[in-house]
Protein backbone atom coordinates (compact mmCIF):
# COMPACT_ATOMS: atom_id res chain seq x y z
CA MET A 1 96.78 78.61 120.00
CA LYS A 2 96.96 79.13 116.40
CA VAL A 3 98.80 82.37 115.22
CA ASN A 4 98.55 82.21 111.59
CA HIS A 5 97.70 85.84 110.37
CA GLY A 6 96.86 85.07 106.83
CA ALA A 7 98.68 84.40 103.67
CA ASN A 8 102.43 83.99 103.33
CA LEU A 9 102.86 85.28 99.59
CA TYR A 10 106.57 84.00 99.58
CA ASP A 11 105.66 80.35 100.46
CA LEU A 12 102.74 80.59 97.93
CA SER A 13 105.20 82.03 95.12
CA ASN A 14 107.49 79.20 95.63
CA GLN A 15 104.53 76.54 95.67
CA TYR A 16 102.60 77.61 92.83
CA GLY A 17 105.26 79.31 90.40
CA PHE A 18 103.64 82.89 90.44
CA SER A 19 105.42 85.69 91.47
CA LYS A 20 104.06 87.50 94.60
CA GLU A 21 102.91 90.36 92.49
CA ASP A 22 100.67 88.10 90.42
CA PHE A 23 98.51 86.91 93.40
CA MET A 24 95.20 89.08 94.39
CA ASP A 25 95.60 88.89 98.30
CA PHE A 26 92.20 89.41 99.63
CA SER A 27 93.61 88.17 102.95
CA SER A 28 95.95 91.20 103.49
CA ASN A 29 93.26 93.88 104.44
CA ILE A 30 95.85 96.75 103.09
CA ASN A 31 94.42 99.70 100.98
CA PRO A 32 94.76 98.46 97.68
CA PHE A 33 95.06 102.10 96.20
CA GLY A 34 98.58 102.48 97.65
CA SER A 35 100.04 105.16 99.89
CA SER A 36 100.07 108.85 99.76
CA LYS A 37 101.72 110.24 96.56
CA LEU A 38 102.75 113.49 98.46
CA ALA A 39 104.41 111.44 101.17
CA LYS A 40 106.41 109.33 98.66
CA GLU A 41 107.36 112.42 96.72
CA TYR A 42 108.63 113.88 100.02
CA ILE A 43 110.69 110.74 100.65
CA ILE A 44 112.18 111.03 96.92
CA ASN A 45 113.00 114.67 97.36
CA ASN A 46 114.67 114.11 100.62
CA ILE A 47 116.50 110.78 100.35
CA ASP A 48 119.71 112.42 101.33
CA LYS A 49 118.24 112.62 104.95
CA VAL A 50 119.21 108.70 105.18
CA SER A 51 122.73 110.31 106.49
CA LEU A 52 120.70 112.07 109.55
CA TYR A 53 119.58 110.94 112.84
CA PRO A 54 115.75 111.44 113.26
CA ASP A 55 114.59 114.22 115.84
CA PRO A 56 114.63 112.04 119.21
CA GLU A 57 111.53 113.85 120.08
CA TYR A 58 109.86 113.39 116.76
CA LEU A 59 108.05 116.82 117.19
CA ASP A 60 106.77 117.22 113.69
CA LEU A 61 105.56 113.63 113.36
CA LYS A 62 103.63 113.89 116.80
CA THR A 63 102.22 117.29 115.78
CA SER A 64 100.95 115.80 112.59
CA ILE A 65 99.44 112.82 114.57
CA SER A 66 97.90 115.18 117.32
CA ASN A 67 96.09 117.11 114.46
CA TYR A 68 94.92 114.15 112.81
CA CYS A 69 93.73 112.48 116.00
CA ASN A 70 92.26 115.70 117.84
CA CYS A 71 94.32 114.85 120.99
CA SER A 72 97.12 116.53 122.79
CA ILE A 73 100.70 115.96 121.51
CA ASP A 74 101.78 115.03 124.97
CA ASN A 75 99.68 111.83 125.03
CA ILE A 76 101.30 110.17 121.95
CA ILE A 77 103.53 107.26 122.11
CA LEU A 78 105.33 106.11 118.91
CA GLY A 79 106.17 102.56 118.12
CA SER A 80 107.44 100.20 115.73
CA GLY A 81 103.94 99.06 114.32
CA ALA A 82 100.93 98.47 116.58
CA THR A 83 102.00 95.25 117.82
CA GLU A 84 105.19 96.68 119.76
CA LEU A 85 102.55 98.99 121.49
CA ILE A 86 100.14 95.98 122.34
CA SER A 87 102.99 94.18 123.88
CA SER A 88 104.37 97.20 125.79
CA PHE A 89 101.04 98.47 127.27
CA ILE A 90 100.10 94.91 128.51
CA GLU A 91 103.52 94.30 130.01
CA THR A 92 103.41 97.79 131.61
CA ILE A 93 99.91 97.45 133.34
CA ASN A 94 100.42 93.77 134.02
CA PRO A 95 96.70 92.60 134.43
CA LYS A 96 95.94 89.51 136.55
CA LYS A 97 92.51 89.16 134.88
CA SER A 98 91.42 90.34 131.43
CA LEU A 99 88.55 90.24 129.13
CA LEU A 100 89.12 89.69 125.53
CA LEU A 101 86.48 90.51 123.03
CA SER A 102 86.44 87.56 120.50
CA PRO A 103 86.76 86.54 117.96
CA ALA A 104 89.96 88.67 117.58
CA TYR A 105 93.34 88.92 116.33
CA SER A 106 95.48 86.49 118.12
CA GLU A 107 98.38 88.89 119.09
CA TYR A 108 96.41 90.01 122.17
CA GLU A 109 96.07 86.55 123.57
CA LYS A 110 99.64 85.88 122.68
CA GLU A 111 100.88 88.90 124.55
CA LEU A 112 98.54 88.52 127.64
CA SER A 113 99.72 84.78 127.99
CA LYS A 114 103.20 85.93 128.22
CA ILE A 115 102.52 87.68 131.35
CA GLY A 116 100.50 84.75 132.97
CA CYS A 117 97.34 86.80 132.75
CA ASN A 118 94.01 85.00 133.44
CA ILE A 119 92.26 85.53 130.14
CA ASN A 120 88.62 85.44 129.78
CA LYS A 121 86.73 85.83 126.53
CA PHE A 122 83.56 87.47 125.74
CA PHE A 123 82.34 86.08 122.48
CA SER A 124 80.04 87.78 119.79
CA THR A 125 78.07 85.08 118.11
CA LYS A 126 76.69 84.58 114.59
CA GLU A 127 73.20 84.11 116.31
CA HIS A 128 73.34 87.96 117.01
CA ASP A 129 75.50 88.74 113.87
CA PHE A 130 78.33 89.22 115.80
CA THR A 131 77.13 92.32 117.34
CA ILE A 132 77.64 93.21 121.02
CA ASN A 133 75.34 95.07 123.40
CA ILE A 134 77.32 97.46 125.21
CA ASP A 135 75.00 97.23 128.38
CA THR A 136 75.62 93.70 128.48
CA LEU A 137 79.20 93.85 128.19
CA ILE A 138 79.56 96.41 130.91
CA GLU A 139 77.70 94.27 133.19
CA THR A 140 79.81 91.38 132.50
CA ILE A 141 82.76 93.36 133.34
CA ASN A 142 81.68 94.86 136.71
CA LYS A 143 80.21 91.37 137.51
CA ASP A 144 83.90 89.74 137.31
CA ASN A 145 85.97 92.89 138.21
CA TYR A 146 88.21 92.62 135.20
CA GLU A 147 91.38 94.76 135.03
CA LEU A 148 91.84 95.00 131.36
CA ILE A 149 89.24 95.09 128.40
CA VAL A 150 90.67 94.53 124.93
CA ILE A 151 88.79 95.75 122.06
CA CYS A 152 89.41 95.81 118.40
CA ASN A 153 87.40 98.48 116.70
CA PRO A 154 86.33 97.69 114.05
CA ASN A 155 86.66 94.21 114.97
CA ASN A 156 88.83 91.67 112.89
CA PRO A 157 87.52 89.59 111.60
CA THR A 158 83.81 90.28 112.12
CA GLY A 159 83.62 94.03 111.09
CA PHE A 160 81.36 94.89 114.23
CA THR A 161 82.36 98.47 115.48
CA PHE A 162 81.37 100.22 118.87
CA THR A 163 80.64 103.99 118.49
CA LYS A 164 82.45 106.49 120.41
CA CYS A 165 79.54 107.19 122.64
CA GLU A 166 79.51 103.38 123.55
CA ILE A 167 83.02 103.38 124.41
CA GLU A 168 82.55 106.41 126.51
CA LYS A 169 79.71 104.80 128.38
CA LEU A 170 81.90 101.78 128.97
CA LEU A 171 84.55 104.00 130.58
CA ASN A 172 82.04 105.71 132.74
CA ASN A 173 80.67 102.60 134.05
CA THR A 174 83.56 100.34 134.73
CA ASN A 175 86.95 100.75 136.55
CA ALA A 176 88.88 98.64 134.07
CA PHE A 177 91.69 99.70 131.65
CA VAL A 178 90.21 99.80 128.08
CA MET A 179 92.54 99.00 125.31
CA VAL A 180 91.03 100.08 121.82
CA ASP A 181 92.92 98.73 118.88
CA GLU A 182 91.66 101.36 116.10
CA THR A 183 93.67 99.61 113.23
CA TYR A 184 90.75 99.66 110.77
CA ILE A 185 89.20 102.85 112.20
CA GLU A 186 89.81 104.96 109.08
CA PHE A 187 87.60 102.77 106.97
CA THR A 188 84.82 104.26 109.23
CA ASN A 189 83.12 107.41 109.77
CA MET A 190 85.70 108.35 112.51
CA SER A 191 83.48 111.20 113.84
CA ILE A 192 81.21 108.41 114.95
CA TYR A 193 83.44 105.55 115.70
CA SER A 194 86.87 106.73 116.75
CA SER A 195 87.54 107.03 120.44
CA THR A 196 90.83 109.19 119.99
CA SER A 197 89.04 112.39 121.06
CA LEU A 198 88.31 110.63 124.48
CA VAL A 199 91.95 109.98 125.32
CA ASP A 200 92.60 113.45 126.85
CA GLU A 201 89.64 112.93 129.26
CA TYR A 202 89.89 109.39 130.33
CA LYS A 203 93.00 108.07 132.07
CA SER A 204 91.94 104.39 131.66
CA LEU A 205 91.78 104.45 127.80
CA PHE A 206 94.62 103.31 125.58
CA VAL A 207 93.98 103.71 121.87
CA ILE A 208 96.38 102.11 119.41
CA ARG A 209 96.70 102.77 115.70
CA GLY A 210 98.84 101.30 112.78
CA THR A 211 99.48 102.71 109.39
CA SER A 212 99.78 99.53 107.54
CA LYS A 213 96.29 98.86 106.61
CA PHE A 214 94.70 102.35 105.67
CA PHE A 215 97.74 104.27 104.75
CA SER A 216 99.03 101.03 102.89
CA THR A 217 102.65 101.44 104.40
CA PRO A 218 103.43 98.07 106.30
CA GLY A 219 107.11 98.48 105.26
CA ILE A 220 107.64 101.44 107.36
CA ARG A 221 106.43 99.79 110.52
CA LEU A 222 105.10 103.08 112.31
CA GLY A 223 102.45 102.82 114.77
CA TYR A 224 101.24 104.97 117.74
CA GLY A 225 99.43 104.77 120.93
CA LEU A 226 97.48 107.53 122.70
CA ILE A 227 97.06 107.61 126.50
CA SER A 228 96.77 110.26 129.09
CA ASN A 229 97.68 108.43 132.30
CA ASN A 230 101.22 109.80 132.90
CA LYS A 231 102.42 107.05 135.04
CA ILE A 232 101.84 104.13 132.54
CA LYS A 233 102.87 106.67 129.57
CA HIS A 234 106.21 107.35 130.94
CA GLU A 235 106.86 103.78 132.03
CA MET A 236 106.19 102.82 128.41
CA ILE A 237 108.27 105.39 127.08
CA SER A 238 111.15 104.42 129.22
CA HIS A 239 111.39 100.95 127.85
CA LEU A 240 111.52 102.24 124.22
CA ASP A 241 114.58 102.42 122.24
CA LEU A 242 115.97 106.00 121.26
CA TRP A 243 115.12 106.65 117.81
CA ASN A 244 112.74 103.73 117.59
CA ILE A 245 111.24 104.98 114.32
CA ASN A 246 113.49 105.45 111.52
CA ILE A 247 113.90 108.84 109.61
CA PHE A 248 111.84 107.78 106.58
CA ALA A 249 108.81 106.31 108.62
CA SER A 250 108.99 109.64 110.44
CA MET A 251 109.01 111.75 107.38
CA MET A 252 106.35 109.84 105.73
CA GLY A 253 104.02 110.24 108.65
CA GLU A 254 104.53 113.98 108.84
CA VAL A 255 103.08 114.21 105.46
CA MET A 256 100.49 111.60 104.95
CA PHE A 257 98.53 112.41 108.15
CA ASN A 258 98.13 115.80 106.49
CA ASP A 259 97.26 114.45 103.02
CA SER A 260 93.44 115.13 103.47
CA ASN A 261 93.07 114.48 99.63
CA PHE A 262 94.66 111.10 100.06
CA ILE A 263 92.66 110.26 103.02
CA LYS A 264 89.25 111.54 101.55
CA ASN A 265 89.81 109.60 98.35
CA SER A 266 90.87 106.36 99.88
CA TYR A 267 87.77 106.37 102.22
CA SER A 268 85.49 107.01 99.19
CA LEU A 269 87.03 104.40 96.87
CA ILE A 270 87.05 101.74 99.62
CA ILE A 271 83.50 102.24 100.74
CA LYS A 272 82.19 102.19 97.22
CA GLU A 273 84.09 98.86 96.56
CA ARG A 274 82.96 97.55 99.85
CA ASN A 275 79.29 98.10 98.95
CA TYR A 276 79.81 96.53 95.65
CA LEU A 277 81.31 93.08 97.11
CA SER A 278 79.02 93.27 99.95
CA ASN A 279 75.91 93.35 97.39
CA GLU A 280 77.58 90.65 95.16
CA LEU A 281 78.37 88.39 97.77
CA SER A 282 74.91 88.49 99.21
CA LYS A 283 73.51 87.18 96.13
CA PHE A 284 75.01 83.89 96.88
CA THR A 285 72.38 81.65 98.16
CA ASP A 286 75.00 79.68 100.03
CA LEU A 287 76.49 82.52 101.83
CA LYS A 288 75.57 84.38 104.98
CA ILE A 289 77.40 87.94 104.76
CA TYR A 290 78.13 89.66 108.05
CA ASN A 291 77.77 93.65 108.05
CA SER A 292 81.12 95.05 108.55
CA LYS A 293 82.63 98.59 108.99
CA GLY A 294 86.16 97.61 108.37
CA ASN A 295 87.76 97.01 104.95
CA PHE A 296 86.69 93.24 105.05
CA ILE A 297 83.78 91.09 104.91
CA LEU A 298 83.19 88.01 106.87
CA CYS A 299 81.30 85.30 105.11
CA GLU A 300 79.90 81.96 106.07
CA ILE A 301 79.15 79.09 103.94
CA LYS A 302 75.76 77.93 104.99
CA SER A 303 75.26 74.53 103.43
CA LYS A 304 78.79 73.25 104.64
CA SER A 305 79.13 71.49 101.22
CA LEU A 306 82.53 73.06 101.33
CA THR A 307 84.97 74.38 104.00
CA ALA A 308 86.34 77.77 103.70
CA LYS A 309 89.88 76.03 103.21
CA GLU A 310 88.50 74.25 100.40
CA VAL A 311 87.31 77.31 98.78
CA ARG A 312 90.62 78.93 99.30
CA GLU A 313 92.54 76.12 97.68
CA LYS A 314 90.21 76.16 94.65
CA LEU A 315 90.88 79.85 94.31
CA ILE A 316 94.80 79.89 94.57
CA PRO A 317 95.36 78.46 90.99
CA ASN A 318 93.71 81.24 89.80
CA LYS A 319 95.87 83.67 91.73
CA ILE A 320 93.25 84.64 94.25
CA ILE A 321 93.76 84.36 98.19
CA ILE A 322 91.11 84.67 100.71
CA ARG A 323 91.37 84.25 104.50
CA ASP A 324 90.27 81.14 105.87
CA CYS A 325 89.19 81.80 109.40
CA ALA A 326 89.36 78.63 111.16
CA SER A 327 92.09 79.77 113.35
CA PHE A 328 90.02 82.45 114.94
CA ASP A 329 88.56 81.25 118.18
CA GLY A 330 84.87 81.38 117.92
CA LEU A 331 84.35 81.00 114.24
CA GLY A 332 85.28 77.68 112.46
CA GLU A 333 85.89 76.02 109.24
CA TYR A 334 83.06 77.35 107.30
CA PHE A 335 83.99 81.04 107.77
CA PHE A 336 86.39 83.04 105.24
CA ARG A 337 87.32 86.78 105.16
CA VAL A 338 87.75 88.82 102.04
CA CYS A 339 89.30 92.51 101.90
CA ILE A 340 88.40 94.97 99.39
CA LEU A 341 90.62 95.28 96.47
CA LYS A 342 90.63 97.34 93.38
CA PRO A 343 87.32 97.10 91.02
CA GLU A 344 88.57 94.64 88.38
CA GLU A 345 90.07 92.29 91.31
CA ASN A 346 86.75 92.41 93.27
CA LYS A 347 84.93 91.55 90.15
CA LEU A 348 87.33 88.54 89.34
CA LEU A 349 86.71 87.17 92.77
CA ILE A 350 82.84 87.16 92.51
CA ASP A 351 83.27 85.48 88.88
CA ASN A 352 85.38 82.72 90.52
CA LEU A 353 83.30 82.19 93.32
CA LYS A 354 80.44 81.65 91.05
CA LYS A 355 82.26 78.66 89.83
CA ILE A 356 82.83 77.14 93.07
CA LEU A 357 79.76 78.02 95.14
CA LYS A 358 76.11 77.89 94.58
C-alpha cells in the first residue's frame, strides 16, 4: 500500500536548489492565508507561559471547541493531530470488519491493517462523478453487517461531501460505528455538512477534526475528536498521555476557535478562489474537473496524452507542485489534485498549465 501524502518540500528543495519558501505547494491543502492573527498575538504576549504546565483538564480549550462545534464539553477528546485520534479510535473499538469509502486518505487503511481488520472498500467512481448515493451505501452496510464505516467528509481527494442529514440517515438505519473525518469541513457550509451537532445524540458516531488545514497550524499538532459513547471515550482517554497537548497549542486553540472574523474571512477568500480555479480549469479541453466542497479540486487528464506525474514534473522547475493522485486506490495515473492558494499563485498555475495541456 502506498502511503505517500504529497510533496516533501525538504527533498525537493535539495533536488532543485530552491528554498522551501519558494515553492507554490498546490499539494498541501493548507489555508494559504495563514493562521489567526489574534491567536498568534496571544502566544507572543504570553510567551513566558512556556515555563508552565498546561491545565491537565484543558478546560478553556475544550470550552472553546464546545462552543465552536455545538456539542457537549464532556464529549471532547484532544489529540496530537487528527491521525493520533484515528489510530486510537480504531484500536479501541477493534472492528473485525470495516467498510472504507474510497478513494481515501491512506492512514485509515494503514491503521485498520495494524489490528488485522478485514477491510472492504466502497468505491465512488468517475462514472458517477465520485458522488455516493446514501441509500445504496446503507444497503451495502446492512447486507454485510459491517462494524465500522470510515468516511472522510469532505472526501480527500474527490471533494464529495455528505450532508448532515445524510449522515443522520445512515446512523438511523445501520448498527455500525461511523467515523467521520471532518478535516476539511470548515471549507463547506458547516450548518449543512458538519455532523458535530449529532454527536451528543448518537452513541455510534465519532467525529474527528484537525487544525492543520483550515486554521493553517500544522506545526502545533492539535486535533480533537467528538464522541458521546462513554465506554469508548473513557478507554481512549485512558491511553492518552497526561498533558498530550502542549501549552501553546492549547492557548492558540482557545483563541482561534473564537476568532469569528478569521473564520468568516478565510472561508470567503477560499470559496472565491476555489470558484476562480474551478472555472479556469474547466476551460481546458483536456481536463475533467470534479465538483469539490473542499479546498482542493480533483482533475483528470482526458486524452491520456500525459500522465499526472509528467505534468507534475513539468511544473516543478517553475516552483509549482501539484498532487499526483496515482497513489490513491481507485484513481490512477491520469488524476491530479490541486489545492487553493492565493490569487496570484492560482493565476500562475493556470498560466503554466496552459503551456503544458491542450
